[in-house]
PDB file of N, CA and C in Angstrom:
ATOM      1  N   MET A   1     -32.271  11.772 -30.512  1.00  0.00           N
ATOM      2  CA  MET A   1     -31.098  11.353 -31.253  1.00  0.00           C
ATOM      3  C   MET A   1     -31.132   9.836 -31.411  1.00  0.00           C
ATOM      4  N   PHE A   2     -30.916   9.365 -32.606  1.00  0.00           N
ATOM      5  CA  PHE A   2     -30.924   7.933 -32.863  1.00  0.00           C
ATOM      6  C   PHE A   2     -29.494   7.454 -33.117  1.00  0.00           C
ATOM      7  N   GLY A   3     -29.280   6.154 -33.011  1.00  0.00           N
ATOM      8  CA  GLY A   3     -27.962   5.590 -33.252  1.00  0.00           C
ATOM      9  C   GLY A   3     -28.043   4.393 -34.184  1.00  0.00           C
ATOM     10  N   VAL A   4     -27.034   4.227 -35.005  1.00  0.00           N
ATOM     11  CA  VAL A   4     -26.928   3.106 -35.916  1.00  0.00           C
ATOM     12  C   VAL A   4     -25.606   2.418 -35.658  1.00  0.00           C
ATOM     13  N   SER A   5     -25.658   1.145 -35.264  1.00  0.00           N
ATOM     14  CA  SER A   5     -24.439   0.359 -35.061  1.00  0.00           C
ATOM     15  C   SER A   5     -24.145  -0.420 -36.335  1.00  0.00           C
ATOM     16  N   HIS A   6     -22.851  -0.565 -36.650  1.00  0.00           N
ATOM     17  CA  HIS A   6     -22.479  -1.257 -37.878  1.00  0.00           C
ATOM     18  C   HIS A   6     -21.119  -1.912 -37.699  1.00  0.00           C
ATOM     19  N   THR A   7     -20.998  -3.142 -38.175  1.00  0.00           N
ATOM     20  CA  THR A   7     -19.699  -3.810 -38.209  1.00  0.00           C
ATOM     21  C   THR A   7     -19.205  -3.753 -39.643  1.00  0.00           C
ATOM     22  N   PHE A   8     -18.119  -3.023 -39.867  1.00  0.00           N
ATOM     23  CA  PHE A   8     -17.541  -2.891 -41.201  1.00  0.00           C
ATOM     24  C   PHE A   8     -16.736  -4.138 -41.569  1.00  0.00           C
ATOM     25  N   HIS A   9     -16.054  -4.698 -40.586  1.00  0.00           N
ATOM     26  CA  HIS A   9     -15.224  -5.881 -40.814  1.00  0.00           C
ATOM     27  C   HIS A   9     -15.342  -6.790 -39.608  1.00  0.00           C
ATOM     28  N   LYS A  10     -15.902  -7.986 -39.807  1.00  0.00           N
ATOM     29  CA  LYS A  10     -16.062  -8.936 -38.706  1.00  0.00           C
ATOM     30  C   LYS A  10     -14.729  -9.566 -38.356  1.00  0.00           C
ATOM     31  N   SER A  11     -14.632 -10.058 -37.156  1.00  0.00           N
ATOM     32  CA  SER A  11     -13.400 -10.653 -36.653  1.00  0.00           C
ATOM     33  C   SER A  11     -13.066 -11.938 -37.407  1.00  0.00           C
ATOM     34  N   VAL A  12     -12.281 -11.794 -38.459  1.00  0.00           N
ATOM     35  CA  VAL A  12     -11.770 -12.922 -39.227  1.00  0.00           C
ATOM     36  C   VAL A  12     -10.303 -12.688 -39.531  1.00  0.00           C
ATOM     37  N   GLU A  13      -9.592 -13.767 -39.740  1.00  0.00           N
ATOM     38  CA  GLU A  13      -8.175 -13.642 -40.088  1.00  0.00           C
ATOM     39  C   GLU A  13      -8.049 -13.238 -41.551  1.00  0.00           C
ATOM     40  N   ARG A  14      -7.199 -12.274 -41.803  1.00  0.00           N
ATOM     41  CA  ARG A  14      -6.918 -11.811 -43.160  1.00  0.00           C
ATOM     42  C   ARG A  14      -5.430 -11.915 -43.421  1.00  0.00           C
ATOM     43  N   THR A  15      -5.087 -12.159 -44.676  1.00  0.00           N
ATOM     44  CA  THR A  15      -3.695 -12.162 -45.098  1.00  0.00           C
ATOM     45  C   THR A  15      -3.460 -10.924 -45.929  1.00  0.00           C
ATOM     46  N   GLY A  16      -2.417 -10.178 -45.617  1.00  0.00           N
ATOM     47  CA  GLY A  16      -2.165  -8.918 -46.296  1.00  0.00           C
ATOM     48  C   GLY A  16      -1.552  -9.092 -47.667  1.00  0.00           C
ATOM     49  N   THR A  17      -2.113  -8.407 -48.624  1.00  0.00           N
ATOM     50  CA  THR A  17      -1.547  -8.323 -49.965  1.00  0.00           C
ATOM     51  C   THR A  17      -1.780  -6.934 -50.546  1.00  0.00           C
ATOM     52  N   GLY A  18      -2.130  -5.981 -49.693  1.00  0.00           N
ATOM     53  CA  GLY A  18      -2.394  -4.633 -50.174  1.00  0.00           C
ATOM     54  C   GLY A  18      -3.573  -4.010 -49.483  1.00  0.00           C
ATOM     55  N   ALA A  19      -4.254  -3.112 -50.170  1.00  0.00           N
ATOM     56  CA  ALA A  19      -5.376  -2.387 -49.579  1.00  0.00           C
ATOM     57  C   ALA A  19      -6.692  -3.070 -49.934  1.00  0.00           C
ATOM     58  N   TYR A  20      -7.588  -3.102 -48.978  1.00  0.00           N
ATOM     59  CA  TYR A  20      -8.898  -3.704 -49.168  1.00  0.00           C
ATOM     60  C   TYR A  20      -9.962  -2.736 -48.686  1.00  0.00           C
ATOM     61  N   VAL A  21     -11.058  -2.698 -49.380  1.00  0.00           N
ATOM     62  CA  VAL A  21     -12.215  -1.942 -48.950  1.00  0.00           C
ATOM     63  C   VAL A  21     -13.195  -2.943 -48.362  1.00  0.00           C
ATOM     64  N   THR A  22     -13.675  -2.665 -47.164  1.00  0.00           N
ATOM     65  CA  THR A  22     -14.572  -3.600 -46.486  1.00  0.00           C
ATOM     66  C   THR A  22     -15.941  -2.958 -46.328  1.00  0.00           C
ATOM     67  N   THR A  23     -16.710  -2.957 -47.413  1.00  0.00           N
ATOM     68  CA  THR A  23     -18.018  -2.312 -47.392  1.00  0.00           C
ATOM     69  C   THR A  23     -19.163  -3.304 -47.387  1.00  0.00           C
ATOM     70  N   GLY A  24     -18.907  -4.583 -47.558  1.00  0.00           N
ATOM     71  CA  GLY A  24     -20.006  -5.521 -47.746  1.00  0.00           C
ATOM     72  C   GLY A  24     -20.637  -5.242 -49.096  1.00  0.00           C
ATOM     73  N   ILE A  25     -21.944  -5.355 -49.177  1.00  0.00           N
ATOM     74  CA  ILE A  25     -22.640  -5.110 -50.436  1.00  0.00           C
ATOM     75  C   ILE A  25     -22.688  -3.615 -50.735  1.00  0.00           C
ATOM     76  N   GLU A  26     -22.903  -2.812 -49.716  1.00  0.00           N
ATOM     77  CA  GLU A  26     -22.990  -1.363 -49.899  1.00  0.00           C
ATOM     78  C   GLU A  26     -22.418  -0.679 -48.667  1.00  0.00           C
ATOM     79  N   ALA A  27     -21.855   0.484 -48.868  1.00  0.00           N
ATOM     80  CA  ALA A  27     -21.340   1.262 -47.744  1.00  0.00           C
ATOM     81  C   ALA A  27     -22.482   1.644 -46.814  1.00  0.00           C
ATOM     82  N   LEU A  28     -22.158   1.931 -45.567  1.00  0.00           N
ATOM     83  CA  LEU A  28     -23.159   2.297 -44.571  1.00  0.00           C
ATOM     84  C   LEU A  28     -23.752   3.667 -44.890  1.00  0.00           C
ATOM     85  N   PRO A  29     -25.064   3.756 -45.203  1.00  0.00           N
ATOM     86  CA  PRO A  29     -25.674   5.061 -45.411  1.00  0.00           C
ATOM     87  C   PRO A  29     -25.800   5.787 -44.069  1.00  0.00           C
ATOM     88  N   CYS A  30     -25.391   7.031 -44.017  1.00  0.00           N
ATOM     89  CA  CYS A  30     -25.435   7.775 -42.745  1.00  0.00           C
ATOM     90  C   CYS A  30     -25.716   9.248 -42.987  1.00  0.00           C
ATOM     91  N   GLY A  31     -26.537   9.557 -43.989  1.00  0.00           N
ATOM     92  CA  GLY A  31     -26.784  10.934 -44.387  1.00  0.00           C
ATOM     93  C   GLY A  31     -27.251  11.858 -43.286  1.00  0.00           C
ATOM     94  N   SER A  32     -27.972  11.343 -42.305  1.00  0.00           N
ATOM     95  CA  SER A  32     -28.479  12.209 -41.245  1.00  0.00           C
ATOM     96  C   SER A  32     -27.632  12.121 -39.969  1.00  0.00           C
ATOM     97  N   CYS A  33     -26.532  11.405 -40.009  1.00  0.00           N
ATOM     98  CA  CYS A  33     -25.680  11.259 -38.819  1.00  0.00           C
ATOM     99  C   CYS A  33     -24.743  12.448 -38.681  1.00  0.00           C
ATOM    100  N   LYS A  34     -24.641  12.946 -37.474  1.00  0.00           N
ATOM    101  CA  LYS A  34     -23.800  14.103 -37.210  1.00  0.00           C
ATOM    102  C   LYS A  34     -22.494  13.735 -36.490  1.00  0.00           C
ATOM    103  N   GLU A  35     -22.463  12.584 -35.830  1.00  0.00           N
ATOM    104  CA  GLU A  35     -21.266  12.183 -35.104  1.00  0.00           C
ATOM    105  C   GLU A  35     -21.191  10.666 -35.049  1.00  0.00           C
ATOM    106  N   GLY A  36     -20.009  10.172 -34.717  1.00  0.00           N
ATOM    107  CA  GLY A  36     -19.838   8.729 -34.635  1.00  0.00           C
ATOM    108  C   GLY A  36     -18.679   8.348 -33.743  1.00  0.00           C
ATOM    109  N   THR A  37     -18.728   7.122 -33.259  1.00  0.00           N
ATOM    110  CA  THR A  37     -17.637   6.540 -32.494  1.00  0.00           C
ATOM    111  C   THR A  37     -17.244   5.258 -33.214  1.00  0.00           C
ATOM    112  N   PHE A  38     -15.960   5.109 -33.478  1.00  0.00           N
ATOM    113  CA  PHE A  38     -15.468   3.996 -34.275  1.00  0.00           C
ATOM    114  C   PHE A  38     -14.439   3.203 -33.477  1.00  0.00           C
ATOM    115  N   PHE A  39     -14.416   1.879 -33.731  1.00  0.00           N
ATOM    116  CA  PHE A  39     -13.603   0.969 -32.928  1.00  0.00           C
ATOM    117  C   PHE A  39     -12.777   0.057 -33.821  1.00  0.00           C
ATOM    118  N   LEU A  40     -11.540  -0.164 -33.415  1.00  0.00           N
ATOM    119  CA  LEU A  40     -10.670  -1.164 -34.029  1.00  0.00           C
ATOM    120  C   LEU A  40     -10.240  -2.109 -32.916  1.00  0.00           C
ATOM    121  N   ASP A  41     -10.479  -3.402 -33.112  1.00  0.00           N
ATOM    122  CA  ASP A  41     -10.098  -4.407 -32.117  1.00  0.00           C
ATOM    123  C   ASP A  41      -9.259  -5.475 -32.820  1.00  0.00           C
ATOM    124  N   VAL A  42      -7.959  -5.464 -32.559  1.00  0.00           N
ATOM    125  CA  VAL A  42      -7.025  -6.438 -33.139  1.00  0.00           C
ATOM    126  C   VAL A  42      -6.837  -7.541 -32.109  1.00  0.00           C
ATOM    127  N   THR A  43      -7.313  -8.747 -32.429  1.00  0.00           N
ATOM    128  CA  THR A  43      -7.265  -9.847 -31.468  1.00  0.00           C
ATOM    129  C   THR A  43      -6.108 -10.811 -31.720  1.00  0.00           C
ATOM    130  N   ALA A  44      -5.526 -10.773 -32.905  1.00  0.00           N
ATOM    131  CA  ALA A  44      -4.346 -11.588 -33.208  1.00  0.00           C
ATOM    132  C   ALA A  44      -3.609 -10.931 -34.367  1.00  0.00           C
ATOM    133  N   ILE A  45      -2.282 -10.950 -34.297  1.00  0.00           N
ATOM    134  CA  ILE A  45      -1.492 -10.366 -35.377  1.00  0.00           C
ATOM    135  C   ILE A  45      -0.135 -11.059 -35.419  1.00  0.00           C
ATOM    136  N   GLU A  46       0.271 -11.432 -36.605  1.00  0.00           N
ATOM    137  CA  GLU A  46       1.531 -12.137 -36.804  1.00  0.00           C
ATOM    138  C   GLU A  46       2.708 -11.195 -36.535  1.00  0.00           C
ATOM    139  N   VAL A  47       3.808 -11.759 -36.061  1.00  0.00           N
ATOM    140  CA  VAL A  47       5.023 -10.981 -35.795  1.00  0.00           C
ATOM    141  C   VAL A  47       5.454 -10.275 -37.084  1.00  0.00           C
ATOM    142  N   ALA A  48       5.935  -9.069 -36.954  1.00  0.00           N
ATOM    143  CA  ALA A  48       6.428  -8.248 -38.068  1.00  0.00           C
ATOM    144  C   ALA A  48       5.318  -7.835 -39.033  1.00  0.00           C
ATOM    145  N   THR A  49       4.099  -7.719 -38.526  1.00  0.00           N
ATOM    146  CA  THR A  49       2.960  -7.285 -39.332  1.00  0.00           C
ATOM    147  C   THR A  49       2.567  -5.873 -38.932  1.00  0.00           C
ATOM    148  N   THR A  50       2.196  -5.065 -39.910  1.00  0.00           N
ATOM    149  CA  THR A  50       1.598  -3.766 -39.621  1.00  0.00           C
ATOM    150  C   THR A  50       0.224  -3.728 -40.277  1.00  0.00           C
ATOM    151  N   LEU A  51      -0.731  -3.176 -39.558  1.00  0.00           N
ATOM    152  CA  LEU A  51      -2.120  -3.095 -40.013  1.00  0.00           C
ATOM    153  C   LEU A  51      -2.563  -1.641 -39.926  1.00  0.00           C
ATOM    154  N   ASP A  52      -3.019  -1.102 -41.046  1.00  0.00           N
ATOM    155  CA  ASP A  52      -3.538   0.266 -41.103  1.00  0.00           C
ATOM    156  C   ASP A  52      -5.013   0.211 -41.455  1.00  0.00           C
ATOM    157  N   CYS A  53      -5.862   0.839 -40.629  1.00  0.00           N
ATOM    158  CA  CYS A  53      -7.306   0.857 -40.849  1.00  0.00           C
ATOM    159  C   CYS A  53      -7.821   2.283 -40.837  1.00  0.00           C
ATOM    160  N   LYS A  54      -8.792   2.562 -41.714  1.00  0.00           N
ATOM    161  CA  LYS A  54      -9.388   3.891 -41.809  1.00  0.00           C
ATOM    162  C   LYS A  54     -10.891   3.777 -42.000  1.00  0.00           C
ATOM    163  N   ILE A  55     -11.597   4.812 -41.586  1.00  0.00           N
ATOM    164  CA  ILE A  55     -13.002   5.006 -41.909  1.00  0.00           C
ATOM    165  C   ILE A  55     -13.032   6.155 -42.909  1.00  0.00           C
ATOM    166  N   GLN A  56     -13.778   5.971 -43.991  1.00  0.00           N
ATOM    167  CA  GLN A  56     -13.836   6.986 -45.038  1.00  0.00           C
ATOM    168  C   GLN A  56     -15.280   7.390 -45.324  1.00  0.00           C
ATOM    169  N   THR A  57     -15.449   8.620 -45.828  1.00  0.00           N
ATOM    170  CA  THR A  57     -16.748   9.125 -46.260  1.00  0.00           C
ATOM    171  C   THR A  57     -16.683   9.414 -47.757  1.00  0.00           C
ATOM    172  N   GLN A  58     -17.833   9.325 -48.413  1.00  0.00           N
ATOM    173  CA  GLN A  58     -17.874   9.506 -49.862  1.00  0.00           C
ATOM    174  C   GLN A  58     -18.419  10.877 -50.247  1.00  0.00           C
ATOM    175  N   ASP A  59     -17.705  11.532 -51.153  1.00  0.00           N
ATOM    176  CA  ASP A  59     -18.190  12.769 -51.760  1.00  0.00           C
ATOM    177  C   ASP A  59     -19.329  12.382 -52.725  1.00  0.00           C
ATOM    178  N   PRO A  60     -20.551  12.894 -52.504  1.00  0.00           N
ATOM    179  CA  PRO A  60     -21.676  12.476 -53.352  1.00  0.00           C
ATOM    180  C   PRO A  60     -21.583  12.961 -54.792  1.00  0.00           C
ATOM    181  N   ILE A  61     -20.727  13.922 -55.072  1.00  0.00           N
ATOM    182  CA  ILE A  61     -20.598  14.432 -56.446  1.00  0.00           C
ATOM    183  C   ILE A  61     -19.535  13.652 -57.217  1.00  0.00           C
ATOM    184  N   SER A  62     -18.320  13.609 -56.689  1.00  0.00           N
ATOM    185  CA  SER A  62     -17.227  12.931 -57.401  1.00  0.00           C
ATOM    186  C   SER A  62     -17.213  11.427 -57.146  1.00  0.00           C
ATOM    187  N   LEU A  63     -17.910  10.980 -56.082  1.00  0.00           N
ATOM    188  CA  LEU A  63     -17.941   9.589 -55.637  1.00  0.00           C
ATOM    189  C   LEU A  63     -16.577   9.106 -55.131  1.00  0.00           C
ATOM    190  N   LYS A  64     -15.661  10.038 -54.873  1.00  0.00           N
ATOM    191  CA  LYS A  64     -14.358   9.690 -54.294  1.00  0.00           C
ATOM    192  C   LYS A  64     -14.499   9.549 -52.787  1.00  0.00           C
ATOM    193  N   TRP A  65     -13.618   8.732 -52.192  1.00  0.00           N
ATOM    194  CA  TRP A  65     -13.646   8.486 -50.749  1.00  0.00           C
ATOM    195  C   TRP A  65     -12.552   9.299 -50.065  1.00  0.00           C
ATOM    196  N   PHE A  66     -12.895   9.853 -48.883  1.00  0.00           N
ATOM    197  CA  PHE A  66     -11.974  10.681 -48.112  1.00  0.00           C
ATOM    198  C   PHE A  66     -11.907  10.170 -46.676  1.00  0.00           C
ATOM    199  N   ASP A  67     -10.719  10.226 -46.077  1.00  0.00           N
ATOM    200  CA  ASP A  67     -10.521   9.728 -44.712  1.00  0.00           C
ATOM    201  C   ASP A  67     -11.239  10.600 -43.689  1.00  0.00           C
ATOM    202  N   VAL A  68     -11.930   9.946 -42.765  1.00  0.00           N
ATOM    203  CA  VAL A  68     -12.561  10.597 -41.623  1.00  0.00           C
ATOM    204  C   VAL A  68     -11.803  10.226 -40.356  1.00  0.00           C
ATOM    205  N   VAL A  69     -11.411   8.951 -40.268  1.00  0.00           N
ATOM    206  CA  VAL A  69     -10.680   8.429 -39.113  1.00  0.00           C
ATOM    207  C   VAL A  69      -9.526   7.587 -39.624  1.00  0.00           C
ATOM    208  N   ALA A  70      -8.348   7.789 -39.040  1.00  0.00           N
ATOM    209  CA  ALA A  70      -7.206   6.907 -39.281  1.00  0.00           C
ATOM    210  C   ALA A  70      -6.777   6.362 -37.926  1.00  0.00           C
ATOM    211  N   PHE A  71      -6.949   5.058 -37.751  1.00  0.00           N
ATOM    212  CA  PHE A  71      -6.531   4.434 -36.498  1.00  0.00           C
ATOM    213  C   PHE A  71      -5.005   4.359 -36.445  1.00  0.00           C
ATOM    214  N   THR A  72      -4.469   4.294 -35.240  1.00  0.00           N
ATOM    215  CA  THR A  72      -3.036   4.119 -35.055  1.00  0.00           C
ATOM    216  C   THR A  72      -2.622   2.794 -35.676  1.00  0.00           C
ATOM    217  N   GLN A  73      -1.507   2.794 -36.385  1.00  0.00           N
ATOM    218  CA  GLN A  73      -1.020   1.560 -37.013  1.00  0.00           C
ATOM    219  C   GLN A  73      -0.815   0.484 -35.952  1.00  0.00           C
ATOM    220  N   ALA A  74      -1.393  -0.691 -36.178  1.00  0.00           N
ATOM    221  CA  ALA A  74      -1.294  -1.791 -35.215  1.00  0.00           C
ATOM    222  C   ALA A  74      -0.189  -2.753 -35.625  1.00  0.00           C
ATOM    223  N   SER A  75       0.600  -3.147 -34.649  1.00  0.00           N
ATOM    224  CA  SER A  75       1.629  -4.166 -34.864  1.00  0.00           C
ATOM    225  C   SER A  75       1.590  -5.200 -33.742  1.00  0.00           C
ATOM    226  N   ALA A  76       0.591  -5.087 -32.876  1.00  0.00           N
ATOM    227  CA  ALA A  76       0.396  -6.014 -31.754  1.00  0.00           C
ATOM    228  C   ALA A  76      -1.100  -6.055 -31.444  1.00  0.00           C
ATOM    229  N   VAL A  77      -1.502  -7.013 -30.622  1.00  0.00           N
ATOM    230  CA  VAL A  77      -2.897  -7.079 -30.179  1.00  0.00           C
ATOM    231  C   VAL A  77      -3.225  -5.754 -29.480  1.00  0.00           C
ATOM    232  N   SER A  78      -4.332  -5.131 -29.889  1.00  0.00           N
ATOM    233  CA  SER A  78      -4.672  -3.819 -29.337  1.00  0.00           C
ATOM    234  C   SER A  78      -6.129  -3.483 -29.625  1.00  0.00           C
ATOM    235  N   SER A  79      -6.621  -2.450 -28.955  1.00  0.00           N
ATOM    236  CA  SER A  79      -7.959  -1.917 -29.190  1.00  0.00           C
ATOM    237  C   SER A  79      -7.867  -0.401 -29.198  1.00  0.00           C
ATOM    238  N   GLU A  80      -8.692   0.228 -30.037  1.00  0.00           N
ATOM    239  CA  GLU A  80      -8.673   1.689 -30.111  1.00  0.00           C
ATOM    240  C   GLU A  80     -10.071   2.198 -30.423  1.00  0.00           C
ATOM    241  N   LYS A  81     -10.413   3.347 -29.836  1.00  0.00           N
ATOM    242  CA  LYS A  81     -11.688   4.027 -30.060  1.00  0.00           C
ATOM    243  C   LYS A  81     -11.393   5.433 -30.546  1.00  0.00           C
ATOM    244  N   LYS A  82     -12.105   5.865 -31.589  1.00  0.00           N
ATOM    245  CA  LYS A  82     -11.964   7.224 -32.113  1.00  0.00           C
ATOM    246  C   LYS A  82     -13.350   7.831 -32.262  1.00  0.00           C
ATOM    247  N   ALA A  83     -13.504   9.065 -31.800  1.00  0.00           N
ATOM    248  CA  ALA A  83     -14.774   9.777 -31.905  1.00  0.00           C
ATOM    249  C   ALA A  83     -14.668  10.877 -32.958  1.00  0.00           C
ATOM    250  N   VAL A  84     -15.755  11.067 -33.698  1.00  0.00           N
ATOM    251  CA  VAL A  84     -15.849  12.127 -34.693  1.00  0.00           C
ATOM    252  C   VAL A  84     -17.094  12.935 -34.343  1.00  0.00           C
ATOM    253  N   ILE A  85     -16.921  14.240 -34.127  1.00  0.00           N
ATOM    254  CA  ILE A  85     -18.055  15.094 -33.756  1.00  0.00           C
ATOM    255  C   ILE A  85     -18.339  16.117 -34.852  1.00  0.00           C
ATOM    256  N   ASP A  86     -18.295  15.644 -36.074  1.00  0.00           N
ATOM    257  CA  ASP A  86     -18.508  16.486 -37.233  1.00  0.00           C
ATOM    258  C   ASP A  86     -19.442  15.737 -38.173  1.00  0.00           C
ATOM    259  N   ASN A  87     -19.949  16.400 -39.183  1.00  0.00           N
ATOM    260  CA  ASN A  87     -20.806  15.743 -40.153  1.00  0.00           C
ATOM    261  C   ASN A  87     -20.045  14.595 -40.811  1.00  0.00           C
ATOM    262  N   LEU A  88     -20.639  13.407 -40.821  1.00  0.00           N
ATOM    263  CA  LEU A  88     -19.975  12.220 -41.341  1.00  0.00           C
ATOM    264  C   LEU A  88     -20.150  12.028 -42.838  1.00  0.00           C
ATOM    265  N   GLY A  89     -20.972  12.841 -43.473  1.00  0.00           N
ATOM    266  CA  GLY A  89     -21.198  12.666 -44.902  1.00  0.00           C
ATOM    267  C   GLY A  89     -22.359  11.737 -45.170  1.00  0.00           C
ATOM    268  N   ASN A  90     -22.460  11.277 -46.414  1.00  0.00           N
ATOM    269  CA  ASN A  90     -23.600  10.485 -46.862  1.00  0.00           C
ATOM    270  C   ASN A  90     -23.422   8.984 -46.674  1.00  0.00           C
ATOM    271  N   LYS A  91     -22.205   8.473 -46.883  1.00  0.00           N
ATOM    272  CA  LYS A  91     -21.908   7.044 -46.750  1.00  0.00           C
ATOM    273  C   LYS A  91     -20.549   6.879 -46.083  1.00  0.00           C
ATOM    274  N   LEU A  92     -20.395   5.768 -45.363  1.00  0.00           N
ATOM    275  CA  LEU A  92     -19.121   5.434 -44.733  1.00  0.00           C
ATOM    276  C   LEU A  92     -18.672   4.056 -45.179  1.00  0.00           C
ATOM    277  N   GLN A  93     -17.366   3.871 -45.249  1.00  0.00           N
ATOM    278  CA  GLN A  93     -16.784   2.565 -45.488  1.00  0.00           C
ATOM    279  C   GLN A  93     -15.509   2.451 -44.657  1.00  0.00           C
ATOM    280  N   ALA A  94     -15.037   1.231 -44.483  1.00  0.00           N
ATOM    281  CA  ALA A  94     -13.766   0.998 -43.805  1.00  0.00           C
ATOM    282  C   ALA A  94     -12.775   0.427 -44.810  1.00  0.00           C
ATOM    283  N   THR A  95     -11.520   0.811 -44.688  1.00  0.00           N
ATOM    284  CA  THR A  95     -10.465   0.242 -45.515  1.00  0.00           C
ATOM    285  C   THR A  95      -9.350  -0.254 -44.602  1.00  0.00           C
ATOM    286  N   TYR A  96      -8.599  -1.204 -45.089  1.00  0.00           N
ATOM    287  CA  TYR A  96      -7.422  -1.648 -44.350  1.00  0.00           C
ATOM    288  C   TYR A  96      -6.334  -2.076 -45.315  1.00  0.00           C
ATOM    289  N   SER A  97      -5.098  -1.968 -44.854  1.00  0.00           N
ATOM    290  CA  SER A  97      -3.962  -2.502 -45.591  1.00  0.00           C
ATOM    291  C   SER A  97      -3.026  -3.143 -44.577  1.00  0.00           C
ATOM    292  N   MET A  98      -2.326  -4.160 -45.043  1.00  0.00           N
ATOM    293  CA  MET A  98      -1.509  -4.961 -44.147  1.00  0.00           C
ATOM    294  C   MET A  98      -0.235  -5.376 -44.863  1.00  0.00           C
ATOM    295  N   THR A  99       0.795  -5.652 -44.074  1.00  0.00           N
ATOM    296  CA  THR A  99       2.070  -6.105 -44.609  1.00  0.00           C
ATOM    297  C   THR A  99       1.856  -7.333 -45.497  1.00  0.00           C
ATOM    298  N   LEU A 100       2.510  -7.351 -46.635  1.00  0.00           N
ATOM    299  CA  LEU A 100       2.396  -8.423 -47.611  1.00  0.00           C
ATOM    300  C   LEU A 100       2.608  -9.797 -46.985  1.00  0.00           C
ATOM    301  N   ASP A 101       1.675 -10.697 -47.245  1.00  0.00           N
ATOM    302  CA  ASP A 101       1.737 -12.109 -46.818  1.00  0.00           C
ATOM    303  C   ASP A 101       1.764 -12.313 -45.307  1.00  0.00           C
ATOM    304  N   LYS A 102       1.360 -11.331 -44.521  1.00  0.00           N
ATOM    305  CA  LYS A 102       1.259 -11.472 -43.065  1.00  0.00           C
ATOM    306  C   LYS A 102      -0.215 -11.601 -42.691  1.00  0.00           C
ATOM    307  N   LYS A 103      -0.489 -12.024 -41.434  1.00  0.00           N
ATOM    308  CA  LYS A 103      -1.870 -12.285 -41.023  1.00  0.00           C
ATOM    309  C   LYS A 103      -2.251 -11.493 -39.778  1.00  0.00           C
ATOM    310  N   ALA A 104      -3.536 -11.132 -39.735  1.00  0.00           N
ATOM    311  CA  ALA A 104      -4.096 -10.464 -38.560  1.00  0.00           C
ATOM    312  C   ALA A 104      -5.582 -10.781 -38.483  1.00  0.00           C
ATOM    313  N   THR A 105      -6.108 -10.818 -37.258  1.00  0.00           N
ATOM    314  CA  THR A 105      -7.532 -10.983 -37.011  1.00  0.00           C
ATOM    315  C   THR A 105      -8.008  -9.723 -36.311  1.00  0.00           C
ATOM    316  N   PHE A 106      -9.045  -9.077 -36.865  1.00  0.00           N
ATOM    317  CA  PHE A 106      -9.471  -7.785 -36.319  1.00  0.00           C
ATOM    318  C   PHE A 106     -10.917  -7.492 -36.672  1.00  0.00           C
ATOM    319  N   THR A 107     -11.506  -6.562 -35.913  1.00  0.00           N
ATOM    320  CA  THR A 107     -12.855  -6.073 -36.140  1.00  0.00           C
ATOM    321  C   THR A 107     -12.806  -4.556 -36.275  1.00  0.00           C
ATOM    322  N   ILE A 108     -13.557  -4.020 -37.235  1.00  0.00           N
ATOM    323  CA  ILE A 108     -13.746  -2.570 -37.370  1.00  0.00           C
ATOM    324  C   ILE A 108     -15.251  -2.330 -37.268  1.00  0.00           C
ATOM    325  N   SER A 109     -15.648  -1.497 -36.316  1.00  0.00           N
ATOM    326  CA  SER A 109     -17.073  -1.240 -36.126  1.00  0.00           C
ATOM    327  C   SER A 109     -17.306   0.214 -35.737  1.00  0.00           C
ATOM    328  N   GLY A 110     -18.571   0.591 -35.670  1.00  0.00           N
ATOM    329  CA  GLY A 110     -18.879   1.955 -35.294  1.00  0.00           C
ATOM    330  C   GLY A 110     -20.328   2.146 -34.930  1.00  0.00           C
ATOM    331  N   VAL A 111     -20.587   3.277 -34.274  1.00  0.00           N
ATOM    332  CA  VAL A 111     -21.934   3.709 -33.922  1.00  0.00           C
ATOM    333  C   VAL A 111     -22.065   5.144 -34.419  1.00  0.00           C
ATOM    334  N   CYS A 112     -23.064   5.394 -35.276  1.00  0.00           N
ATOM    335  CA  CYS A 112     -23.312   6.740 -35.791  1.00  0.00           C
ATOM    336  C   CYS A 112     -24.588   7.277 -35.166  1.00  0.00           C
ATOM    337  N   LYS A 113     -24.555   8.568 -34.824  1.00  0.00           N
ATOM    338  CA  LYS A 113     -25.712   9.202 -34.182  1.00  0.00           C
ATOM    339  C   LYS A 113     -26.145  10.432 -34.956  1.00  0.00           C
ATOM    340  N   GLY A 114     -27.459  10.643 -35.000  1.00  0.00           N
ATOM    341  CA  GLY A 114     -27.986  11.770 -35.731  1.00  0.00           C
ATOM    342  C   GLY A 114     -28.345  12.933 -34.858  1.00  0.00           C
TER     343      GLY A 114
END
């Protein structure tokens, strides 16, 4: 069994204005991965801010994205780990949305195994 580590969103401060897709140049290819462990690490968050983060997989036919993991909504400094023991699909991406004009610093990462 092999593993692929990936950082979807590096620890940087972001200001919320809606939903963002954090794929870099291309989503993480994971066609042969059967399971994964995903991490959200919120290291700073402004008062009265809510942060929603998800890991999504892409349907190779319609090219639409579907949720695989939804982290608990963060409103304070926190860390969370979520495991998926099902087929992860062909590609993964991370998305986040945050309260308008508020700030948070966070990392979204994962390890996929085949």
